[in-house]
Amino acid sequence: MSWQTYVDDHLMCDIDGQGQHLSASAIVGHDGSVWAQSANFPKFKPEEIAGIMKDFDQPGHLAPTGLHLAGTKYMVIQGEAGAVIRGKKGSGGVTIKKTGQALVFGIYEEPVTPGQCNMIVERLGDYLIDQGL
């Protein structure tokens, strides 16, 4: 299965048969290389990925400054140290799951809920971890 298929079929999927979808998603290597992304995933800066990776290594690193993705600032909210980072901005947000080789990103806006985004992103991330990726 191609990386793009994971994004198209597992991240940008219809949520619970409700006709709702994540706003954007991507699978990005730890080095910041894009493996696959939805058409509207924002163009991030290398230093933003470096900051995210540092927060996985040193949980709390992003809390004072916020999580930045393509210049958009998200307030960092509770995640799982070393495994998941969650950010909130207005009625939307972002979930990032770290696997052995990649970062799985999901960006959402209402009516999608934070819990729905977490479920989709973390489910794929856990699957990739189980596959040794």
N, C-alpha and C. Protein backbone atom coordinates (compact mmCIF):
# COMPACT_ATOMS: atom_id res chain seq x y z
N MET A 1 0.85 -1.19 0.00
CA MET A 1 0.00 0.00 0.00
C MET A 1 0.89 1.24 0.00
N SER A 2 0.56 2.22 -0.82
CA SER A 2 1.38 3.44 -0.88
C SER A 2 1.07 4.33 0.32
N TRP A 3 2.02 5.21 0.64
CA TRP A 3 1.80 6.15 1.75
C TRP A 3 0.60 7.03 1.46
N GLN A 4 0.43 7.40 0.18
CA GLN A 4 -0.71 8.26 -0.17
C GLN A 4 -2.04 7.56 0.12
N THR A 5 -2.07 6.24 -0.07
CA THR A 5 -3.29 5.49 0.23
C THR A 5 -3.62 5.56 1.71
N TYR A 6 -2.59 5.49 2.57
CA TYR A 6 -2.84 5.64 4.00
C TYR A 6 -3.49 6.99 4.30
N VAL A 7 -2.98 8.05 3.68
CA VAL A 7 -3.56 9.39 3.91
C VAL A 7 -4.99 9.44 3.38
N ASP A 8 -5.17 9.01 2.12
CA ASP A 8 -6.49 9.13 1.47
C ASP A 8 -7.55 8.25 2.13
N ASP A 9 -7.19 7.00 2.45
CA ASP A 9 -8.19 6.04 2.92
C ASP A 9 -8.31 5.94 4.43
N HIS A 10 -7.24 6.29 5.16
CA HIS A 10 -7.27 6.09 6.61
C HIS A 10 -7.28 7.38 7.41
N LEU A 11 -6.78 8.47 6.85
CA LEU A 11 -6.79 9.75 7.55
C LEU A 11 -7.90 10.68 7.05
N MET A 12 -8.10 10.72 5.74
CA MET A 12 -9.11 11.62 5.16
C MET A 12 -10.45 10.89 4.97
N CYS A 13 -10.65 9.81 5.71
CA CYS A 13 -11.84 8.98 5.58
C CYS A 13 -13.08 9.68 6.13
N ASP A 14 -14.24 9.15 5.76
CA ASP A 14 -15.52 9.59 6.31
C ASP A 14 -15.56 9.12 7.77
N ILE A 15 -15.76 10.05 8.69
CA ILE A 15 -15.74 9.73 10.11
C ILE A 15 -17.11 9.23 10.55
N ASP A 16 -17.16 8.01 11.02
CA ASP A 16 -18.39 7.42 11.57
C ASP A 16 -19.57 7.49 10.61
N GLY A 17 -19.31 7.51 9.30
CA GLY A 17 -20.40 7.57 8.33
C GLY A 17 -21.21 8.84 8.38
N GLN A 18 -20.64 9.90 8.95
CA GLN A 18 -21.35 11.17 9.14
C GLN A 18 -21.06 12.19 8.02
N GLY A 19 -20.21 11.82 7.07
CA GLY A 19 -19.85 12.78 6.02
C GLY A 19 -18.87 13.84 6.49
N GLN A 20 -18.25 13.61 7.64
CA GLN A 20 -17.26 14.55 8.18
C GLN A 20 -15.86 14.00 7.91
N HIS A 21 -14.93 14.93 7.70
CA HIS A 21 -13.55 14.54 7.38
C HIS A 21 -12.59 15.48 8.10
N LEU A 22 -11.36 15.01 8.30
CA LEU A 22 -10.32 15.91 8.78
C LEU A 22 -10.12 17.00 7.73
N SER A 23 -9.66 18.16 8.15
CA SER A 23 -9.40 19.25 7.21
C SER A 23 -8.17 18.95 6.35
N ALA A 24 -7.16 18.35 6.97
CA ALA A 24 -5.91 18.03 6.27
C ALA A 24 -5.17 16.98 7.07
N SER A 25 -4.29 16.25 6.39
CA SER A 25 -3.49 15.23 7.07
C SER A 25 -2.22 14.96 6.28
N ALA A 26 -1.26 14.36 6.98
CA ALA A 26 0.00 14.02 6.32
C ALA A 26 0.75 12.96 7.12
N ILE A 27 1.66 12.29 6.43
CA ILE A 27 2.64 11.42 7.07
C ILE A 27 4.00 11.99 6.68
N VAL A 28 4.78 12.34 7.69
CA VAL A 28 6.04 13.04 7.49
C VAL A 28 7.14 12.28 8.21
N GLY A 29 8.28 12.11 7.57
CA GLY A 29 9.41 11.45 8.20
C GLY A 29 9.96 12.30 9.35
N HIS A 30 10.67 11.67 10.26
CA HIS A 30 11.26 12.39 11.39
C HIS A 30 12.18 13.52 10.91
N ASP A 31 12.71 13.38 9.70
CA ASP A 31 13.61 14.40 9.14
C ASP A 31 12.86 15.54 8.45
N GLY A 32 11.51 15.47 8.46
CA GLY A 32 10.71 16.52 7.83
C GLY A 32 10.34 16.25 6.39
N SER A 33 10.78 15.11 5.84
CA SER A 33 10.41 14.79 4.45
C SER A 33 8.96 14.33 4.41
N VAL A 34 8.21 14.83 3.45
CA VAL A 34 6.80 14.46 3.32
C VAL A 34 6.70 13.12 2.61
N TRP A 35 6.09 12.13 3.26
CA TRP A 35 5.87 10.82 2.65
C TRP A 35 4.58 10.84 1.86
N ALA A 36 3.56 11.50 2.41
CA ALA A 36 2.27 11.65 1.73
C ALA A 36 1.49 12.72 2.47
N GLN A 37 0.59 13.39 1.74
CA GLN A 37 -0.22 14.43 2.38
C GLN A 37 -1.50 14.65 1.60
N SER A 38 -2.49 15.20 2.29
CA SER A 38 -3.71 15.59 1.60
C SER A 38 -3.41 16.85 0.78
N ALA A 39 -4.26 17.12 -0.19
CA ALA A 39 -4.02 18.24 -1.11
C ALA A 39 -3.88 19.57 -0.39
N ASN A 40 -4.58 19.74 0.73
CA ASN A 40 -4.59 21.04 1.41
C ASN A 40 -3.77 21.06 2.69
N PHE A 41 -2.85 20.09 2.85
CA PHE A 41 -2.00 20.12 4.05
C PHE A 41 -1.07 21.33 3.94
N PRO A 42 -0.97 22.12 5.02
CA PRO A 42 -0.18 23.36 4.94
C PRO A 42 1.31 23.11 4.74
N LYS A 43 1.96 24.04 4.06
CA LYS A 43 3.41 23.96 3.80
C LYS A 43 4.14 24.39 5.06
N PHE A 44 4.67 23.41 5.79
CA PHE A 44 5.34 23.70 7.05
C PHE A 44 6.79 24.07 6.81
N LYS A 45 7.42 24.62 7.85
CA LYS A 45 8.83 24.99 7.80
C LYS A 45 9.66 23.89 8.49
N PRO A 46 10.87 23.62 8.01
CA PRO A 46 11.71 22.59 8.63
C PRO A 46 11.90 22.80 10.13
N GLU A 47 12.04 24.05 10.56
CA GLU A 47 12.25 24.30 11.99
C GLU A 47 11.00 23.96 12.82
N GLU A 48 9.81 23.99 12.19
CA GLU A 48 8.60 23.60 12.90
C GLU A 48 8.62 22.10 13.20
N ILE A 49 9.06 21.30 12.23
CA ILE A 49 9.17 19.85 12.44
C ILE A 49 10.26 19.58 13.48
N ALA A 50 11.36 20.31 13.42
CA ALA A 50 12.43 20.15 14.40
C ALA A 50 11.91 20.44 15.81
N GLY A 51 11.08 21.47 15.97
CA GLY A 51 10.50 21.80 17.27
C GLY A 51 9.56 20.71 17.76
N ILE A 52 8.78 20.15 16.85
CA ILE A 52 7.87 19.05 17.20
C ILE A 52 8.68 17.84 17.65
N MET A 53 9.74 17.50 16.91
CA MET A 53 10.58 16.36 17.28
C MET A 53 11.23 16.60 18.65
N LYS A 54 11.64 17.83 18.92
CA LYS A 54 12.25 18.15 20.21
C LYS A 54 11.24 17.97 21.33
N ASP A 55 9.97 18.33 21.08
CA ASP A 55 8.94 18.16 22.11
C ASP A 55 8.69 16.68 22.40
N PHE A 56 8.80 15.83 21.39
CA PHE A 56 8.67 14.40 21.65
C PHE A 56 9.81 13.90 22.53
N ASP A 57 11.03 14.45 22.32
CA ASP A 57 12.19 14.05 23.11
C ASP A 57 12.20 14.71 24.49
N GLN A 58 11.71 15.95 24.55
CA GLN A 58 11.66 16.72 25.80
C GLN A 58 10.25 17.26 25.98
N PRO A 59 9.32 16.42 26.47
CA PRO A 59 7.93 16.86 26.61
C PRO A 59 7.82 18.17 27.39
N GLY A 60 7.01 19.08 26.84
CA GLY A 60 6.85 20.40 27.44
C GLY A 60 7.63 21.48 26.72
N HIS A 61 8.50 21.10 25.79
CA HIS A 61 9.33 22.06 25.06
C HIS A 61 8.47 23.11 24.34
N LEU A 62 7.36 22.68 23.72
CA LEU A 62 6.53 23.60 22.94
C LEU A 62 5.52 24.37 23.78
N ALA A 63 5.25 23.93 25.00
CA ALA A 63 4.20 24.54 25.81
C ALA A 63 4.32 26.06 25.95
N PRO A 64 5.52 26.61 26.25
CA PRO A 64 5.61 28.06 26.43
C PRO A 64 5.37 28.87 25.15
N THR A 65 5.77 28.32 24.00
CA THR A 65 5.71 29.09 22.75
C THR A 65 4.55 28.69 21.86
N GLY A 66 3.99 27.51 22.11
CA GLY A 66 2.94 26.99 21.24
C GLY A 66 3.53 26.13 20.14
N LEU A 67 2.66 25.36 19.52
CA LEU A 67 3.03 24.51 18.39
C LEU A 67 2.75 25.29 17.12
N HIS A 68 3.75 25.43 16.28
CA HIS A 68 3.59 26.16 15.02
C HIS A 68 3.63 25.18 13.85
N LEU A 69 2.68 25.36 12.93
CA LEU A 69 2.63 24.55 11.73
C LEU A 69 2.22 25.47 10.58
N ALA A 70 3.13 25.66 9.64
CA ALA A 70 2.93 26.59 8.52
C ALA A 70 2.58 27.98 9.03
N GLY A 71 3.23 28.37 10.13
CA GLY A 71 3.02 29.70 10.69
C GLY A 71 1.79 29.84 11.56
N THR A 72 0.94 28.84 11.59
CA THR A 72 -0.25 28.87 12.44
C THR A 72 0.14 28.39 13.82
N LYS A 73 -0.24 29.15 14.85
CA LYS A 73 0.11 28.80 16.21
C LYS A 73 -1.05 28.07 16.87
N TYR A 74 -0.74 26.91 17.43
CA TYR A 74 -1.70 26.11 18.19
C TYR A 74 -1.27 26.10 19.66
N MET A 75 -2.22 26.22 20.56
CA MET A 75 -1.93 26.06 21.98
C MET A 75 -1.77 24.57 22.25
N VAL A 76 -0.66 24.20 22.88
CA VAL A 76 -0.40 22.79 23.17
C VAL A 76 -1.28 22.36 24.35
N ILE A 77 -2.03 21.29 24.13
CA ILE A 77 -2.87 20.75 25.19
C ILE A 77 -2.38 19.34 25.52
N GLN A 78 -2.94 18.75 26.52
CA GLN A 78 -2.45 17.47 27.02
C GLN A 78 -2.35 16.43 25.91
N GLY A 79 -1.22 15.77 25.84
CA GLY A 79 -1.01 14.68 24.91
C GLY A 79 -0.49 13.48 25.68
N GLU A 80 0.35 12.71 25.04
CA GLU A 80 1.01 11.58 25.70
C GLU A 80 2.50 11.79 25.50
N ALA A 81 3.22 11.99 26.59
CA ALA A 81 4.65 12.31 26.52
C ALA A 81 5.39 11.33 25.62
N GLY A 82 6.09 11.86 24.64
CA GLY A 82 6.89 11.04 23.73
C GLY A 82 6.12 10.31 22.66
N ALA A 83 4.77 10.42 22.67
CA ALA A 83 3.96 9.65 21.72
C ALA A 83 2.97 10.50 20.93
N VAL A 84 2.27 11.42 21.60
CA VAL A 84 1.23 12.22 20.94
C VAL A 84 1.33 13.67 21.42
N ILE A 85 1.25 14.59 20.46
CA ILE A 85 1.15 16.02 20.76
C ILE A 85 -0.19 16.49 20.21
N ARG A 86 -0.91 17.25 21.01
CA ARG A 86 -2.20 17.80 20.57
C ARG A 86 -2.15 19.32 20.69
N GLY A 87 -2.73 19.98 19.68
CA GLY A 87 -2.79 21.43 19.70
C GLY A 87 -4.19 21.90 19.40
N LYS A 88 -4.54 23.09 19.92
CA LYS A 88 -5.88 23.65 19.75
C LYS A 88 -5.76 25.08 19.26
N LYS A 89 -6.63 25.44 18.33
CA LYS A 89 -6.71 26.82 17.85
C LYS A 89 -8.17 27.08 17.52
N GLY A 90 -8.82 27.92 18.31
CA GLY A 90 -10.24 28.21 18.07
C GLY A 90 -11.07 26.95 18.14
N SER A 91 -11.88 26.72 17.10
CA SER A 91 -12.75 25.54 17.08
C SER A 91 -12.08 24.33 16.43
N GLY A 92 -10.80 24.46 16.11
CA GLY A 92 -10.09 23.36 15.46
C GLY A 92 -8.82 23.01 16.21
N GLY A 93 -8.02 22.17 15.56
CA GLY A 93 -6.78 21.79 16.20
C GLY A 93 -6.00 20.79 15.38
N VAL A 94 -4.99 20.21 16.03
CA VAL A 94 -4.09 19.26 15.37
C VAL A 94 -3.73 18.15 16.34
N THR A 95 -3.59 16.95 15.81
CA THR A 95 -3.07 15.80 16.57
C THR A 95 -1.88 15.26 15.79
N ILE A 96 -0.78 15.00 16.50
CA ILE A 96 0.43 14.45 15.88
C ILE A 96 0.83 13.21 16.66
N LYS A 97 0.92 12.09 15.97
CA LYS A 97 1.33 10.82 16.59
C LYS A 97 2.71 10.46 16.05
N LYS A 98 3.63 10.15 16.94
CA LYS A 98 4.99 9.76 16.54
C LYS A 98 5.06 8.24 16.44
N THR A 99 5.59 7.75 15.32
CA THR A 99 5.86 6.32 15.17
C THR A 99 7.38 6.15 15.13
N GLY A 100 7.86 4.96 14.89
CA GLY A 100 9.30 4.71 14.86
C GLY A 100 10.04 5.52 13.82
N GLN A 101 9.37 5.80 12.68
CA GLN A 101 10.03 6.50 11.58
C GLN A 101 9.31 7.75 11.10
N ALA A 102 8.08 7.95 11.56
CA ALA A 102 7.27 9.03 10.97
C ALA A 102 6.46 9.79 12.02
N LEU A 103 5.88 10.90 11.55
CA LEU A 103 4.90 11.66 12.31
C LEU A 103 3.60 11.63 11.51
N VAL A 104 2.50 11.28 12.16
CA VAL A 104 1.19 11.25 11.51
C VAL A 104 0.44 12.49 11.99
N PHE A 105 0.06 13.35 11.04
CA PHE A 105 -0.63 14.61 11.35
C PHE A 105 -2.10 14.54 10.95
N GLY A 106 -2.96 15.06 11.81
CA GLY A 106 -4.35 15.28 11.46
C GLY A 106 -4.74 16.67 11.92
N ILE A 107 -5.33 17.45 11.03
CA ILE A 107 -5.82 18.79 11.35
C ILE A 107 -7.33 18.78 11.19
N TYR A 108 -8.04 19.37 12.14
CA TYR A 108 -9.50 19.35 12.09
C TYR A 108 -10.10 20.72 12.37
N GLU A 109 -11.32 20.88 11.94
CA GLU A 109 -12.17 22.04 12.25
C GLU A 109 -13.54 21.49 12.61
N GLU A 110 -14.32 22.26 13.37
CA GLU A 110 -15.69 21.82 13.65
C GLU A 110 -16.40 21.57 12.34
N PRO A 111 -17.30 20.59 12.26
CA PRO A 111 -17.91 19.85 13.37
C PRO A 111 -17.11 18.64 13.83
N VAL A 112 -15.95 18.37 13.23
CA VAL A 112 -15.11 17.27 13.72
C VAL A 112 -14.63 17.63 15.12
N THR A 113 -14.66 16.67 16.03
CA THR A 113 -14.26 16.92 17.41
C THR A 113 -12.80 16.53 17.64
N PRO A 114 -12.18 17.06 18.70
CA PRO A 114 -10.81 16.64 19.01
C PRO A 114 -10.72 15.13 19.19
N GLY A 115 -11.69 14.53 19.84
CA GLY A 115 -11.67 13.09 20.07
C GLY A 115 -11.70 12.29 18.78
N GLN A 116 -12.47 12.75 17.79
CA GLN A 116 -12.52 12.06 16.51
C GLN A 116 -11.17 12.14 15.80
N CYS A 117 -10.56 13.32 15.81
CA CYS A 117 -9.25 13.49 15.19
C CYS A 117 -8.21 12.61 15.89
N ASN A 118 -8.23 12.62 17.23
CA ASN A 118 -7.29 11.78 17.99
C ASN A 118 -7.44 10.32 17.59
N MET A 119 -8.68 9.84 17.51
CA MET A 119 -8.94 8.44 17.20
C MET A 119 -8.36 8.06 15.84
N ILE A 120 -8.61 8.88 14.84
CA ILE A 120 -8.16 8.58 13.47
C ILE A 120 -6.63 8.58 13.39
N VAL A 121 -6.01 9.63 13.91
CA VAL A 121 -4.55 9.77 13.83
C VAL A 121 -3.85 8.69 14.66
N GLU A 122 -4.32 8.49 15.88
CA GLU A 122 -3.65 7.54 16.76
C GLU A 122 -3.86 6.09 16.30
N ARG A 123 -5.01 5.80 15.72
CA ARG A 123 -5.27 4.45 15.22
C ARG A 123 -4.28 4.11 14.10
N LEU A 124 -4.08 5.03 13.14
CA LEU A 124 -3.12 4.78 12.07
C LEU A 124 -1.71 4.73 12.63
N GLY A 125 -1.38 5.64 13.55
CA GLY A 125 -0.04 5.64 14.14
C GLY A 125 0.25 4.34 14.86
N ASP A 126 -0.71 3.84 15.61
CA ASP A 126 -0.52 2.56 16.33
C ASP A 126 -0.33 1.42 15.33
N TYR A 127 -1.09 1.45 14.25
CA TYR A 127 -0.94 0.41 13.22
C TYR A 127 0.47 0.45 12.62
N LEU A 128 0.95 1.65 12.29
CA LEU A 128 2.29 1.78 11.71
C LEU A 128 3.36 1.30 12.70
N ILE A 129 3.18 1.61 13.98
CA ILE A 129 4.12 1.15 15.00
C ILE A 129 4.12 -0.38 15.03
N ASP A 130 2.94 -0.98 14.98
CA ASP A 130 2.83 -2.44 14.97
C ASP A 130 3.53 -3.06 13.76
N GLN A 131 3.59 -2.30 12.65
CA GLN A 131 4.24 -2.76 11.42
C GLN A 131 5.74 -2.47 11.42
N GLY A 132 6.24 -1.90 12.50
CA GLY A 132 7.67 -1.59 12.59
C GLY A 132 8.06 -0.30 11.89
N LEU A 133 7.06 0.53 11.62
CA LEU A 133 7.30 1.79 10.93
C LEU A 133 7.16 2.97 11.88
